[in-house]
Protein backbone atom coordinates (compact mmCIF):
# COMPACT_ATOMS: atom_id res chain seq x y z
CA MET A 1 0.19 0.08 0.11
CA ARG A 2 2.52 2.84 0.77
CA THR A 3 4.30 1.90 -2.32
CA ALA A 4 1.58 2.42 -4.33
CA MET A 5 1.06 5.88 -2.83
CA GLU A 6 4.89 6.49 -3.63
CA GLU A 7 3.82 5.20 -6.99
CA LEU A 8 1.01 7.95 -7.80
CA ALA A 9 2.69 10.93 -6.63
CA ALA A 10 4.58 11.20 -10.20
CA LEU A 11 0.95 11.76 -10.85
CA GLY A 12 1.35 15.39 -8.71
CA THR A 13 2.05 16.36 -5.54
CA VAL A 14 0.84 13.96 -2.34
CA THR A 15 -0.72 16.05 -0.53
CA ALA A 16 -1.73 14.15 2.41
CA ARG A 17 -2.06 10.36 3.36
CA SER A 18 -3.92 8.85 5.62
CA ALA A 19 -2.77 6.02 7.93
CA VAL A 20 -3.06 2.44 6.62
CA ILE A 21 -6.14 0.58 7.74
CA SER A 22 -7.02 -3.15 7.94
CA THR A 23 -10.73 -3.71 7.00
CA ALA A 24 -13.23 -6.67 6.54
CA PRO A 25 -14.37 -7.64 3.38
CA MET A 26 -16.99 -6.86 1.46
CA GLY A 27 -18.59 -9.66 -1.55
CA PRO A 28 -17.08 -13.17 -1.68
CA SER A 29 -13.60 -12.43 -0.70
CA ALA A 30 -12.49 -14.61 2.31
CA ARG A 31 -9.17 -11.80 3.81
CA ARG A 32 -8.74 -8.42 4.72
CA PHE A 33 -7.75 -5.13 3.08
CA ALA A 34 -5.42 -2.50 3.72
CA ASN A 35 -7.38 0.11 3.01
CA ALA A 36 -5.67 3.98 2.43
CA ALA A 37 -6.81 7.35 0.99
CA LEU A 38 -3.85 10.33 -0.31
CA LEU A 39 -4.85 13.86 -1.69
CA LEU A 40 -3.78 14.09 -4.51
CA ASP A 41 -2.30 17.60 -6.42
CA THR A 42 -2.90 16.93 -10.17
CA GLU A 43 -2.90 19.12 -13.88
CA LEU A 44 -4.81 15.50 -14.52
CA ASP A 45 -8.74 15.93 -15.62
CA PRO A 46 -10.31 13.38 -14.10
CA ALA A 47 -10.43 10.76 -17.26
CA SER A 48 -6.74 10.37 -17.79
CA LEU A 49 -6.13 10.25 -13.89
CA LEU A 50 -8.16 7.31 -14.49
CA ALA A 51 -5.95 5.55 -17.44
CA ALA A 52 -2.80 6.38 -14.52
CA LEU A 53 -4.95 4.77 -12.03
CA GLN A 54 -5.15 1.38 -13.70
CA ARG A 55 -1.94 1.71 -15.70
CA THR A 56 -0.57 1.28 -12.03
CA GLU A 57 -2.83 -1.30 -10.72
CA ARG A 58 -1.92 -3.16 -13.63
CA GLU A 59 1.90 -2.43 -12.86
CA PHE A 60 1.13 -3.82 -9.65
CA GLY A 61 -0.27 -7.00 -10.84
CA ARG A 62 -4.03 -6.40 -10.91
CA ARG A 63 -6.44 -8.13 -13.39
CA ARG A 64 -9.91 -7.41 -13.14
CA TRP A 65 -12.08 -10.60 -13.84
CA ARG A 66 -14.48 -10.69 -10.40
CA ARG A 67 -17.14 -7.80 -9.61
CA TRP A 68 -15.34 -7.36 -5.48
CA GLY A 69 -12.74 -10.63 -5.45
CA ASP A 70 -9.70 -10.62 -4.08
CA ARG A 71 -7.03 -8.31 -6.24
CA VAL A 72 -3.46 -6.54 -5.85
CA ILE A 73 -4.58 -3.27 -4.95
CA ASP A 74 -7.67 -1.15 -5.94
CA LEU A 75 -7.05 2.48 -6.61
CA ASP A 76 -10.16 4.50 -7.05
CA ILE A 77 -11.91 8.61 -7.34
CA VAL A 78 -13.60 9.35 -4.60
CA LEU A 79 -13.48 13.21 -5.00
CA TRP A 80 -12.25 15.77 -7.03
CA SER A 81 -11.78 19.48 -5.66
CA GLU A 82 -14.06 20.18 -9.56
CA GLY A 83 -16.73 18.85 -7.98
CA SER A 84 -18.90 15.92 -9.97
CA VAL A 85 -18.17 14.12 -13.55
CA SER A 86 -20.55 11.49 -14.94
CA SER A 87 -19.45 9.61 -18.23
CA SER A 88 -19.51 5.68 -18.81
CA LEU A 89 -16.19 5.63 -17.73
CA LEU A 90 -16.32 7.49 -14.62
CA THR A 91 -18.42 9.16 -11.81
CA ILE A 92 -17.21 11.05 -9.08
CA PRO A 93 -18.18 11.30 -6.40
CA HIS A 94 -17.75 8.14 -6.20
CA GLN A 95 -21.32 6.00 -5.95
CA GLU A 96 -20.72 4.18 -3.15
CA PHE A 97 -17.84 6.15 -0.87
CA ARG A 98 -21.44 7.09 1.00
CA GLY A 99 -22.14 3.47 2.67
CA ARG A 100 -18.13 2.65 2.57
CA ASP A 101 -16.81 2.97 6.61
CA PHE A 102 -12.78 1.58 4.40
CA VAL A 103 -13.29 5.04 3.25
CA LEU A 104 -14.82 7.44 4.84
CA VAL A 105 -12.52 6.94 8.12
CA PRO A 106 -8.95 7.44 6.42
CA ALA A 107 -11.02 10.12 4.01
CA SER A 108 -12.45 11.78 7.33
CA ASN A 109 -8.91 11.80 8.59
CA ILE A 110 -6.86 13.47 6.24
CA ALA A 111 -9.02 15.59 4.85
CA PRO A 112 -12.12 16.02 7.52
CA GLY A 113 -13.90 19.47 6.16
CA TRP A 114 -14.09 18.17 3.05
CA ARG A 115 -17.90 18.55 1.15
CA ASP A 116 -19.95 15.90 -0.96
CA PRO A 117 -21.12 17.71 -3.34
CA ARG A 118 -23.89 15.47 -4.30
CA THR A 119 -25.11 15.95 0.06
CA GLY A 120 -22.93 18.85 1.09
CA LEU A 121 -21.99 16.70 4.11
CA THR A 122 -17.98 16.77 5.31
CA LEU A 123 -16.45 13.70 4.99
CA LEU A 124 -16.46 13.71 8.97
CA GLN A 125 -20.11 14.95 8.45
CA ALA A 126 -20.78 11.93 6.46
CA LYS A 127 -18.52 9.17 8.54
CA ALA A 128 -20.25 10.04 11.87
CA ARG A 129 -24.04 9.50 9.97
CA LEU A 130 -22.70 5.95 8.71
CA THR A 131 -20.27 5.39 12.60
CA ARG A 132 -23.69 6.13 14.14
CA LYS A 133 -24.53 3.72 16.80
CA ARG A 134 -28.53 4.16 16.10
CA PRO A 135 -29.94 5.24 13.24
CA LEU A 136 -31.65 8.65 11.96
CA PRO A 137 -34.88 9.70 13.01
């Protein structure tokens, strides 16, 4: 994970990185996953950044063969400073991030005030809603 984070510095300037956390799998995988977040200041547009991330995944040995299966690495663009993107290849904000503590915990640690352009909630607020012990009224 740390090596991948170092590789991403070639795509721009890494301005913050979270600690790596271990989380339970989603889907059929039997092993735990390592998760982290980073802030990347880059000149690449989202489609070019996605292509670069997928190239990095392949260099680390990722092969796409089964949804939610075991994989060496999975790099996603969760949020973008320019707001939202919607195309056949890419959706930003990431469609699932609001319901995933393995995304919100590390992301809110490095960018607690970053706002979700769809809900207006900060990452810290989104994490609090997700991890709250009781449901909202």
